[in-house]
Amino acid sequence: MPGPSHHVVSADGTAIALERVTDGARPLVTFPGATAPRGIWGPTAAGLDGRFAVWLADRRGKGDSGDTEPYSFEREYEDVRTVAAWFGGEAVVAAHSSGAVCVLGAAASGELPAAGLVLYEPPWPLPGRADDTETLDAMDARLAAGDPEGALEIGMLRLVQAPPAAVEGMKRAPSWPQRVAAVHTWTREGRELVRMPEGTDALRGVGLPTVMLLGEQSAEHLHASTRAVADALTDAVVVDLPGQAHAALMTAPDLVAAAILRHAG
């Protein structure tokens, strides 16, 4: 295996950053959610050391990865396939939130060379979904006014439906400044979700063994999307995270690691 840091070049020439943080016999590569840095998976990775060589990926436009306009989910699907191919199809691919949507999209729209998937609450669009355009417009207005932190708060409260107390806790986390710096990427991802067709028919051909992680206290729309995705996939199991919501990578990384070891290890 190469050294602890690497860049792979996606189909459109964008460099995607990877960082190895643990050692193990099997590779596992992680993709974070909308505003999270790659290090959001770090505490979970620590619990996998010795079993998995965990590589953390920065998604395009974030951290040490490059970016190429125009943005689209299709380009992120290519990023996921490029990263997975770099591991020769041997890696488990783990992803959170919109990162999990991109992994699912990569698997549904073309062959994804992976040993399996671990997906934590992908907000996959279902029939009757709420229209998030107004919230995305409000976030973009705060960005245009030079208030990225205000944009991030709006997204956490309205899109994730995180309780205000949970958002205040996020503000005290070391990753908060990185989230603020990346919040402009959230609105473009949100608009890609809005334009996606509703329903899970596109996922019915995905046969990779998949672990779906679901926080007991997460918002209802995340419960609905997680279970709908699991029902559509050929080989999927839903693993509940007791007492957790959408942020267990921060609040209970040992619990997430234990679920991965039990069901994907």
C-alpha atoms as a PDB file:
ATOM      1  CA  MET A   1       0.000   0.000   0.000  1.00  0.00           C
ATOM      2  CA  PRO A   2       1.320   3.486  -0.791  1.00  0.00           C
ATOM      3  CA  GLY A   3       2.215   6.021   1.875  1.00  0.00           C
ATOM      4  CA  PRO A   4      -0.232   7.766   4.236  1.00  0.00           C
ATOM      5  CA  SER A   5      -1.292  10.524   1.804  1.00  0.00           C
ATOM      6  CA  HIS A   6      -2.263  10.350  -1.835  1.00  0.00           C
ATOM      7  CA  HIS A   7      -4.328  12.019  -4.555  1.00  0.00           C
ATOM      8  CA  VAL A   8      -6.262  10.141  -7.198  1.00  0.00           C
ATOM      9  CA  VAL A   9      -7.369  11.932 -10.360  1.00  0.00           C
ATOM     10  CA  SER A  10     -11.039  11.670 -11.266  1.00  0.00           C
ATOM     11  CA  ALA A  11     -12.457  11.456 -14.778  1.00  0.00           C
ATOM     12  CA  ASP A  12     -12.630  15.249 -15.233  1.00  0.00           C
ATOM     13  CA  GLY A  13      -9.090  15.805 -13.920  1.00  0.00           C
ATOM     14  CA  THR A  14     -10.061  16.759 -10.367  1.00  0.00           C
ATOM     15  CA  ALA A  15      -7.625  15.546  -7.701  1.00  0.00           C
ATOM     16  CA  ILE A  16      -9.308  13.751  -4.785  1.00  0.00           C
ATOM     17  CA  ALA A  17      -7.294  13.671  -1.554  1.00  0.00           C
ATOM     18  CA  LEU A  18      -6.879  10.499   0.497  1.00  0.00           C
ATOM     19  CA  GLU A  19      -5.234  10.077   3.900  1.00  0.00           C
ATOM     20  CA  ARG A  20      -4.502   6.734   5.556  1.00  0.00           C
ATOM     21  CA  VAL A  21      -5.024   6.876   9.317  1.00  0.00           C
ATOM     22  CA  THR A  22      -4.972   3.229  10.464  1.00  0.00           C
ATOM     23  CA  ASP A  23      -3.435  -0.109   9.558  1.00  0.00           C
ATOM     24  CA  GLY A  24      -5.190  -3.360   8.853  1.00  0.00           C
ATOM     25  CA  ALA A  25      -5.537  -6.263   6.467  1.00  0.00           C
ATOM     26  CA  ARG A  26      -8.502  -4.809   4.567  1.00  0.00           C
ATOM     27  CA  PRO A  27      -8.904  -1.312   3.093  1.00  0.00           C
ATOM     28  CA  LEU A  28     -11.880   0.863   4.004  1.00  0.00           C
ATOM     29  CA  VAL A  29     -12.350   4.317   2.468  1.00  0.00           C
ATOM     30  CA  THR A  30     -14.676   6.961   3.892  1.00  0.00           C
ATOM     31  CA  PHE A  31     -16.595   9.885   2.393  1.00  0.00           C
ATOM     32  CA  PRO A  32     -18.064  12.600   4.662  1.00  0.00           C
ATOM     33  CA  GLY A  33     -21.342  14.490   4.442  1.00  0.00           C
ATOM     34  CA  ALA A  34     -22.028  17.908   2.972  1.00  0.00           C
ATOM     35  CA  THR A  35     -19.835  20.232   5.055  1.00  0.00           C
ATOM     36  CA  ALA A  36     -17.762  17.775   7.042  1.00  0.00           C
ATOM     37  CA  PRO A  37     -13.990  17.457   6.623  1.00  0.00           C
ATOM     38  CA  ARG A  38     -12.530  14.026   5.984  1.00  0.00           C
ATOM     39  CA  GLY A  39     -11.409  13.912   9.615  1.00  0.00           C
ATOM     40  CA  ILE A  40     -15.014  13.549  10.788  1.00  0.00           C
ATOM     41  CA  TRP A  41     -14.490   9.807  10.253  1.00  0.00           C
ATOM     42  CA  GLY A  42     -11.204   9.832  12.207  1.00  0.00           C
ATOM     43  CA  PRO A  43     -12.535   8.824  15.649  1.00  0.00           C
ATOM     44  CA  THR A  44     -14.516   5.953  14.085  1.00  0.00           C
ATOM     45  CA  ALA A  45     -11.419   4.901  12.156  1.00  0.00           C
ATOM     46  CA  ALA A  46      -9.462   4.646  15.404  1.00  0.00           C
ATOM     47  CA  GLY A  47     -11.851   1.918  16.516  1.00  0.00           C
ATOM     48  CA  LEU A  48     -11.116  -0.035  13.327  1.00  0.00           C
ATOM     49  CA  ASP A  49      -7.328   0.037  13.659  1.00  0.00           C
ATOM     50  CA  GLY A  50      -5.795  -3.413  13.320  1.00  0.00           C
ATOM     51  CA  ARG A  51      -8.714  -4.715  11.270  1.00  0.00           C
ATOM     52  CA  PHE A  52      -8.992  -2.094   8.530  1.00  0.00           C
ATOM     53  CA  ALA A  53      -6.524   0.195   6.812  1.00  0.00           C
ATOM     54  CA  VAL A  54      -8.810   3.225   6.843  1.00  0.00           C
ATOM     55  CA  TRP A  55      -8.389   5.935   4.230  1.00  0.00           C
ATOM     56  CA  LEU A  56     -10.247   9.230   4.640  1.00  0.00           C
ATOM     57  CA  ALA A  57     -11.306  11.003   1.433  1.00  0.00           C
ATOM     58  CA  ASP A  58     -12.023  14.702   0.986  1.00  0.00           C
ATOM     59  CA  ARG A  59     -14.911  15.143  -1.428  1.00  0.00           C
ATOM     60  CA  ARG A  60     -14.437  17.577  -4.314  1.00  0.00           C
ATOM     61  CA  GLY A  61     -14.414  21.206  -3.294  1.00  0.00           C
ATOM     62  CA  LYS A  62     -13.475  20.396   0.299  1.00  0.00           C
ATOM     63  CA  GLY A  63     -10.256  20.070   2.261  1.00  0.00           C
ATOM     64  CA  ASP A  64      -7.274  19.064   0.142  1.00  0.00           C
ATOM     65  CA  SER A  65      -9.289  17.933  -2.883  1.00  0.00           C
ATOM     66  CA  GLY A  66      -9.646  20.008  -6.015  1.00  0.00           C
ATOM     67  CA  ASP A  67     -12.809  21.226  -7.699  1.00  0.00           C
ATOM     68  CA  THR A  68     -13.981  21.635 -11.274  1.00  0.00           C
ATOM     69  CA  GLU A  69     -17.019  23.536 -12.527  1.00  0.00           C
ATOM     70  CA  PRO A  70     -19.778  22.935 -13.342  1.00  0.00           C
ATOM     71  CA  TYR A  71     -20.617  20.884 -10.287  1.00  0.00           C
ATOM     72  CA  SER A  72     -22.891  17.860 -10.488  1.00  0.00           C
ATOM     73  CA  PHE A  73     -23.581  14.693  -8.544  1.00  0.00           C
ATOM     74  CA  GLU A  74     -22.556  12.764 -11.657  1.00  0.00           C
ATOM     75  CA  ARG A  75     -19.022  14.103 -11.209  1.00  0.00           C
ATOM     76  CA  GLU A  76     -19.056  12.977  -7.596  1.00  0.00           C
ATOM     77  CA  TYR A  77     -20.190   9.526  -8.732  1.00  0.00           C
ATOM     78  CA  GLU A  78     -17.085   9.413 -10.938  1.00  0.00           C
ATOM     79  CA  ASP A  79     -14.959  10.458  -7.960  1.00  0.00           C
ATOM     80  CA  VAL A  80     -16.296   7.566  -5.885  1.00  0.00           C
ATOM     81  CA  ARG A  81     -15.715   5.054  -8.682  1.00  0.00           C
ATOM     82  CA  THR A  82     -12.191   6.393  -9.277  1.00  0.00           C
ATOM     83  CA  VAL A  83     -11.270   6.118  -5.597  1.00  0.00           C
ATOM     84  CA  ALA A  84     -12.780   2.639  -5.286  1.00  0.00           C
ATOM     85  CA  ALA A  85     -10.909   1.480  -8.399  1.00  0.00           C
ATOM     86  CA  TRP A  86      -7.624   2.721  -6.906  1.00  0.00           C
ATOM     87  CA  PHE A  87      -8.080   0.047  -4.233  1.00  0.00           C
ATOM     88  CA  GLY A  88      -8.623  -2.599  -6.884  1.00  0.00           C
ATOM     89  CA  GLY A  89     -12.199  -3.265  -5.820  1.00  0.00           C
ATOM     90  CA  GLU A  90     -11.042  -4.572  -2.426  1.00  0.00           C
ATOM     91  CA  ALA A  91     -12.161  -1.652  -0.238  1.00  0.00           C
ATOM     92  CA  VAL A  92     -15.292  -1.310   1.832  1.00  0.00           C
ATOM     93  CA  VAL A  93     -16.723   2.136   0.998  1.00  0.00           C
ATOM     94  CA  ALA A  94     -18.271   3.986   3.955  1.00  0.00           C
ATOM     95  CA  ALA A  95     -20.115   7.294   3.668  1.00  0.00           C
ATOM     96  CA  HIS A  96     -22.316   9.652   5.648  1.00  0.00           C
ATOM     97  CA  SER A  97     -25.340  11.736   4.617  1.00  0.00           C
ATOM     98  CA  SER A  98     -24.948  13.319   1.152  1.00  0.00           C
ATOM     99  CA  GLY A  99     -21.673  11.424   0.799  1.00  0.00           C
ATOM    100  CA  ALA A 100     -23.754   8.248   1.077  1.00  0.00           C
ATOM    101  CA  VAL A 101     -26.067   9.560  -1.664  1.00  0.00           C
ATOM    102  CA  CYS A 102     -23.025   9.951  -3.918  1.00  0.00           C
ATOM    103  CA  VAL A 103     -21.852   6.417  -3.170  1.00  0.00           C
ATOM    104  CA  LEU A 104     -25.317   5.049  -3.937  1.00  0.00           C
ATOM    105  CA  GLY A 105     -25.419   7.084  -7.139  1.00  0.00           C
ATOM    106  CA  ALA A 106     -22.035   5.701  -8.149  1.00  0.00           C
ATOM    107  CA  ALA A 107     -23.226   2.143  -7.558  1.00  0.00           C
ATOM    108  CA  ALA A 108     -26.554   2.666  -9.358  1.00  0.00           C
ATOM    109  CA  SER A 109     -25.236   4.480 -12.433  1.00  0.00           C
ATOM    110  CA  GLY A 110     -22.287   2.224 -13.220  1.00  0.00           C
ATOM    111  CA  GLU A 111     -20.210  -0.577 -11.800  1.00  0.00           C
ATOM    112  CA  LEU A 112     -18.714   0.336  -8.436  1.00  0.00           C
ATOM    113  CA  PRO A 113     -15.632  -1.814  -7.698  1.00  0.00           C
ATOM    114  CA  ALA A 114     -16.037  -2.310  -3.953  1.00  0.00           C
ATOM    115  CA  ALA A 115     -16.138  -5.136  -1.432  1.00  0.00           C
ATOM    116  CA  GLY A 116     -19.167  -3.653   0.313  1.00  0.00           C
ATOM    117  CA  LEU A 117     -20.817  -0.463   1.508  1.00  0.00           C
ATOM    118  CA  VAL A 118     -21.487   1.174   4.872  1.00  0.00           C
ATOM    119  CA  LEU A 119     -24.009   4.004   4.475  1.00  0.00           C
ATOM    120  CA  TYR A 120     -25.083   6.276   7.321  1.00  0.00           C
ATOM    121  CA  GLU A 121     -28.463   7.935   6.679  1.00  0.00           C
ATOM    122  CA  PRO A 122     -28.399   8.952   3.006  1.00  0.00           C
ATOM    123  CA  PRO A 123     -31.149  11.578   2.425  1.00  0.00           C
ATOM    124  CA  TRP A 124     -32.313   9.796  -0.721  1.00  0.00           C
ATOM    125  CA  PRO A 125     -35.309  11.583  -2.311  1.00  0.00           C
ATOM    126  CA  LEU A 126     -38.605   9.769  -1.805  1.00  0.00           C
ATOM    127  CA  PRO A 127     -42.085  10.496  -3.195  1.00  0.00           C
ATOM    128  CA  GLY A 128     -43.733  13.344  -1.338  1.00  0.00           C
ATOM    129  CA  ARG A 129     -40.439  14.772  -0.121  1.00  0.00           C
ATOM    130  CA  ALA A 130     -40.278  18.333   1.151  1.00  0.00           C
ATOM    131  CA  ASP A 131     -39.102  20.981  -1.304  1.00  0.00           C
ATOM    132  CA  ASP A 132     -35.873  22.360   0.161  1.00  0.00           C
ATOM    133  CA  THR A 133     -35.500  25.167  -2.384  1.00  0.00           C
ATOM    134  CA  GLU A 134     -36.621  27.890   0.027  1.00  0.00           C
ATOM    135  CA  THR A 135     -34.113  26.759   2.649  1.00  0.00           C
ATOM    136  CA  LEU A 136     -31.321  26.554   0.069  1.00  0.00           C
ATOM    137  CA  ASP A 137     -32.201  30.066  -1.109  1.00  0.00           C
ATOM    138  CA  ALA A 138     -32.024  31.303   2.490  1.00  0.00           C
ATOM    139  CA  MET A 139     -28.608  29.688   2.909  1.00  0.00           C
ATOM    140  CA  ASP A 140     -27.330  31.227  -0.315  1.00  0.00           C
ATOM    141  CA  ALA A 141     -28.633  34.623   0.837  1.00  0.00           C
ATOM    142  CA  ARG A 142     -26.596  34.346   4.034  1.00  0.00           C
ATOM    143  CA  LEU A 143     -23.539  33.335   1.981  1.00  0.00           C
ATOM    144  CA  ALA A 144     -24.027  36.331  -0.318  1.00  0.00           C
ATOM    145  CA  ALA A 145     -24.232  38.546   2.772  1.00  0.00           C
ATOM    146  CA  GLY A 146     -20.869  37.253   4.011  1.00  0.00           C
ATOM    147  CA  ASP A 147     -22.355  35.122   6.800  1.00  0.00           C
ATOM    148  CA  PRO A 148     -21.341  31.486   6.135  1.00  0.00           C
ATOM    149  CA  GLU A 149     -21.877  30.513   9.762  1.00  0.00           C
ATOM    150  CA  GLY A 150     -25.466  31.740   9.543  1.00  0.00           C
ATOM    151  CA  ALA A 151     -25.916  29.673   6.375  1.00  0.00           C
ATOM    152  CA  LEU A 152     -24.580  26.599   8.149  1.00  0.00           C
ATOM    153  CA  GLU A 153     -26.935  27.092  11.105  1.00  0.00           C
ATOM    154  CA  ILE A 154     -29.921  27.347   8.748  1.00  0.00           C
ATOM    155  CA  GLY A 155     -28.910  24.114   7.045  1.00  0.00           C
ATOM    156  CA  MET A 156     -28.416  22.223  10.287  1.00  0.00           C
ATOM    157  CA  LEU A 157     -31.732  23.401  11.727  1.00  0.00           C
ATOM    158  CA  ARG A 158     -33.922  23.102   8.618  1.00  0.00           C
ATOM    159  CA  LEU A 159     -32.341  20.423   6.417  1.00  0.00           C
ATOM    160  CA  VAL A 160     -30.878  18.070   9.019  1.00  0.00           C
ATOM    161  CA  GLN A 161     -33.583  19.102  11.523  1.00  0.00           C
ATOM    162  CA  ALA A 162     -31.002  19.019  14.280  1.00  0.00           C
ATOM    163  CA  PRO A 163     -32.254  20.342  17.636  1.00  0.00           C
ATOM    164  CA  PRO A 164     -30.900  23.808  18.512  1.00  0.00           C
ATOM    165  CA  ALA A 165     -28.997  22.345  21.465  1.00  0.00           C
ATOM    166  CA  ALA A 166     -27.265  19.882  19.135  1.00  0.00           C
ATOM    167  CA  VAL A 167     -26.240  22.713  16.802  1.00  0.00           C
ATOM    168  CA  GLU A 168     -24.789  24.625  19.744  1.00  0.00           C
ATOM    169  CA  GLY A 169     -22.782  21.508  20.583  1.00  0.00           C
ATOM    170  CA  MET A 170     -21.510  21.282  17.001  1.00  0.00           C
ATOM    171  CA  LYS A 171     -20.269  24.855  17.259  1.00  0.00           C
ATOM    172  CA  ARG A 172     -17.931  23.786  20.049  1.00  0.00           C
ATOM    173  CA  ALA A 173     -16.480  20.909  18.013  1.00  0.00           C
ATOM    174  CA  PRO A 174     -13.037  21.361  16.391  1.00  0.00           C
ATOM    175  CA  SER A 175     -14.574  20.632  12.976  1.00  0.00           C
ATOM    176  CA  TRP A 176     -16.992  23.599  13.088  1.00  0.00           C
ATOM    177  CA  PRO A 177     -14.645  26.120  11.377  1.00  0.00           C
ATOM    178  CA  GLN A 178     -14.024  23.595   8.588  1.00  0.00           C
ATOM    179  CA  ARG A 179     -17.768  23.131   8.186  1.00  0.00           C
ATOM    180  CA  VAL A 180     -18.216  26.898   7.943  1.00  0.00           C
ATOM    181  CA  ALA A 181     -15.509  27.049   5.271  1.00  0.00           C
ATOM    182  CA  ALA A 182     -17.262  24.342   3.215  1.00  0.00           C
ATOM    183  CA  VAL A 183     -20.881  25.422   3.630  1.00  0.00           C
ATOM    184  CA  HIS A 184     -21.024  26.850   0.092  1.00  0.00           C
ATOM    185  CA  THR A 185     -20.763  23.268  -1.166  1.00  0.00           C
ATOM    186  CA  TRP A 186     -23.873  22.245   0.792  1.00  0.00           C
ATOM    187  CA  THR A 187     -26.262  24.382  -1.210  1.00  0.00           C
ATOM    188  CA  ARG A 188     -25.014  23.059  -4.537  1.00  0.00           C
ATOM    189  CA  GLU A 189     -25.412  19.513  -3.256  1.00  0.00           C
ATOM    190  CA  GLY A 190     -28.874  20.359  -1.980  1.00  0.00           C
ATOM    191  CA  ARG A 191     -29.907  21.603  -5.401  1.00  0.00           C
ATOM    192  CA  GLU A 192     -28.637  18.354  -6.926  1.00  0.00           C
ATOM    193  CA  LEU A 193     -30.849  16.451  -4.485  1.00  0.00           C
ATOM    194  CA  VAL A 194     -33.822  18.593  -5.507  1.00  0.00           C
ATOM    195  CA  ARG A 195     -33.350  17.697  -9.167  1.00  0.00           C
ATOM    196  CA  MET A 196     -32.973  13.957  -8.513  1.00  0.00           C
ATOM    197  CA  PRO A 197     -35.970  11.795  -9.426  1.00  0.00           C
ATOM    198  CA  GLU A 198     -38.006  10.576  -6.482  1.00  0.00           C
ATOM    199  CA  GLY A 199     -38.025   6.931  -5.468  1.00  0.00           C
ATOM    200  CA  THR A 200     -35.586   4.052  -5.188  1.00  0.00           C
ATOM    201  CA  ASP A 201     -36.153   2.185  -8.478  1.00  0.00           C
ATOM    202  CA  ALA A 202     -32.651   3.149  -9.668  1.00  0.00           C
ATOM    203  CA  LEU A 203     -31.143   1.274  -6.709  1.00  0.00           C
ATOM    204  CA  ARG A 204     -32.723  -2.111  -7.335  1.00  0.00           C
ATOM    205  CA  GLY A 205     -29.793  -3.354  -9.385  1.00  0.00           C
ATOM    206  CA  VAL A 206     -27.217  -2.616  -6.682  1.00  0.00           C
ATOM    207  CA  GLY A 207     -26.046  -5.966  -5.323  1.00  0.00           C
ATOM    208  CA  LEU A 208     -23.137  -4.978  -3.083  1.00  0.00           C
ATOM    209  CA  PRO A 209     -23.480  -6.112   0.549  1.00  0.00           C
ATOM    210  CA  THR A 210     -24.539  -2.990   2.402  1.00  0.00           C
ATOM    211  CA  VAL A 211     -24.776  -1.955   6.047  1.00  0.00           C
ATOM    212  CA  MET A 212     -27.225   0.898   6.610  1.00  0.00           C
ATOM    213  CA  LEU A 213     -26.586   2.836   9.822  1.00  0.00           C
ATOM    214  CA  LEU A 214     -29.581   4.581  11.393  1.00  0.00           C
ATOM    215  CA  GLY A 215     -29.635   6.804  14.470  1.00  0.00           C
ATOM    216  CA  GLU A 216     -32.513   6.036  16.806  1.00  0.00           C
ATOM    217  CA  GLN A 217     -33.143   9.763  17.360  1.00  0.00           C
ATOM    218  CA  SER A 218     -32.606  10.971  13.780  1.00  0.00           C
ATOM    219  CA  ALA A 219     -35.261  12.969  11.936  1.00  0.00           C
ATOM    220  CA  GLU A 220     -38.150  11.016  10.479  1.00  0.00           C
ATOM    221  CA  HIS A 221     -37.217  11.778   6.878  1.00  0.00           C
ATOM    222  CA  LEU A 222     -33.813  10.151   7.476  1.00  0.00           C
ATOM    223  CA  HIS A 223     -35.499   7.084   8.976  1.00  0.00           C
ATOM    224  CA  ALA A 224     -37.757   6.876   5.923  1.00  0.00           C
ATOM    225  CA  SER A 225     -34.963   7.288   3.376  1.00  0.00           C
ATOM    226  CA  THR A 226     -32.617   4.848   5.130  1.00  0.00           C
ATOM    227  CA  ARG A 227     -35.231   2.113   5.323  1.00  0.00           C
ATOM    228  CA  ALA A 228     -36.448   2.733   1.757  1.00  0.00           C
ATOM    229  CA  VAL A 229     -32.912   2.439   0.412  1.00  0.00           C
ATOM    230  CA  ALA A 230     -32.347  -0.763   2.394  1.00  0.00           C
ATOM    231  CA  ASP A 231     -35.578  -2.248   1.020  1.00  0.00           C
ATOM    232  CA  ALA A 232     -34.501  -1.439  -2.550  1.00  0.00           C
ATOM    233  CA  LEU A 233     -31.022  -2.933  -2.324  1.00  0.00           C
ATOM    234  CA  THR A 234     -30.442  -6.623  -2.980  1.00  0.00           C
ATOM    235  CA  ASP A 235     -28.297  -7.290   0.097  1.00  0.00           C
ATOM    236  CA  ALA A 236     -28.738  -4.754   2.889  1.00  0.00           C
ATOM    237  CA  VAL A 237     -29.129  -4.758   6.646  1.00  0.00           C
ATOM    238  CA  VAL A 238     -30.239  -1.809   8.808  1.00  0.00           C
ATOM    239  CA  VAL A 239     -28.243  -1.372  12.009  1.00  0.00           C
ATOM    240  CA  ASP A 240     -29.751   0.922  14.630  1.00  0.00           C
ATOM    241  CA  LEU A 241     -27.534   3.251  16.643  1.00  0.00           C
ATOM    242  CA  PRO A 242     -29.268   3.525  20.059  1.00  0.00           C
ATOM    243  CA  GLY A 243     -29.539   7.015  21.502  1.00  0.00           C
ATOM    244  CA  GLN A 244     -27.941   8.622  18.453  1.00  0.00           C
ATOM    245  CA  ALA A 245     -29.056  10.993  15.727  1.00  0.00           C
ATOM    246  CA  HIS A 246     -27.334  12.140  12.515  1.00  0.00           C
ATOM    247  CA  ALA A 247     -24.041  13.010  14.228  1.00  0.00           C
ATOM    248  CA  ALA A 248     -22.879   9.712  15.747  1.00  0.00           C
ATOM    249  CA  LEU A 249     -19.522  10.071  13.971  1.00  0.00           C
ATOM    250  CA  MET A 250     -18.911  12.800  16.560  1.00  0.00           C
ATOM    251  CA  THR A 251     -21.079  11.717  19.493  1.00  0.00           C
ATOM    252  CA  ALA A 252     -20.545   7.932  19.456  1.00  0.00           C
ATOM    253  CA  PRO A 253     -17.713   6.924  17.099  1.00  0.00           C
ATOM    254  CA  ASP A 254     -17.026   3.745  19.090  1.00  0.00           C
ATOM    255  CA  LEU A 255     -20.625   2.662  18.492  1.00  0.00           C
ATOM    256  CA  VAL A 256     -20.254   3.257  14.748  1.00  0.00           C
ATOM    257  CA  ALA A 257     -16.952   1.363  14.684  1.00  0.00           C
ATOM    258  CA  ALA A 258     -18.493  -1.563  16.559  1.00  0.00           C
ATOM    259  CA  ALA A 259     -21.343  -1.735  14.043  1.00  0.00           C
ATOM    260  CA  ILE A 260     -18.866  -1.786  11.149  1.00  0.00           C
ATOM    261  CA  LEU A 261     -16.758  -4.493  12.762  1.00  0.00           C
ATOM    262  CA  ARG A 262     -19.825  -6.606  13.535  1.00  0.00           C
ATOM    263  CA  HIS A 263     -21.522  -6.341  10.168  1.00  0.00           C
ATOM    264  CA  ALA A 264     -18.816  -5.477   7.625  1.00  0.00           C
ATOM    265  CA  GLY A 265     -15.637  -6.726   9.270  1.00  0.00           C
END
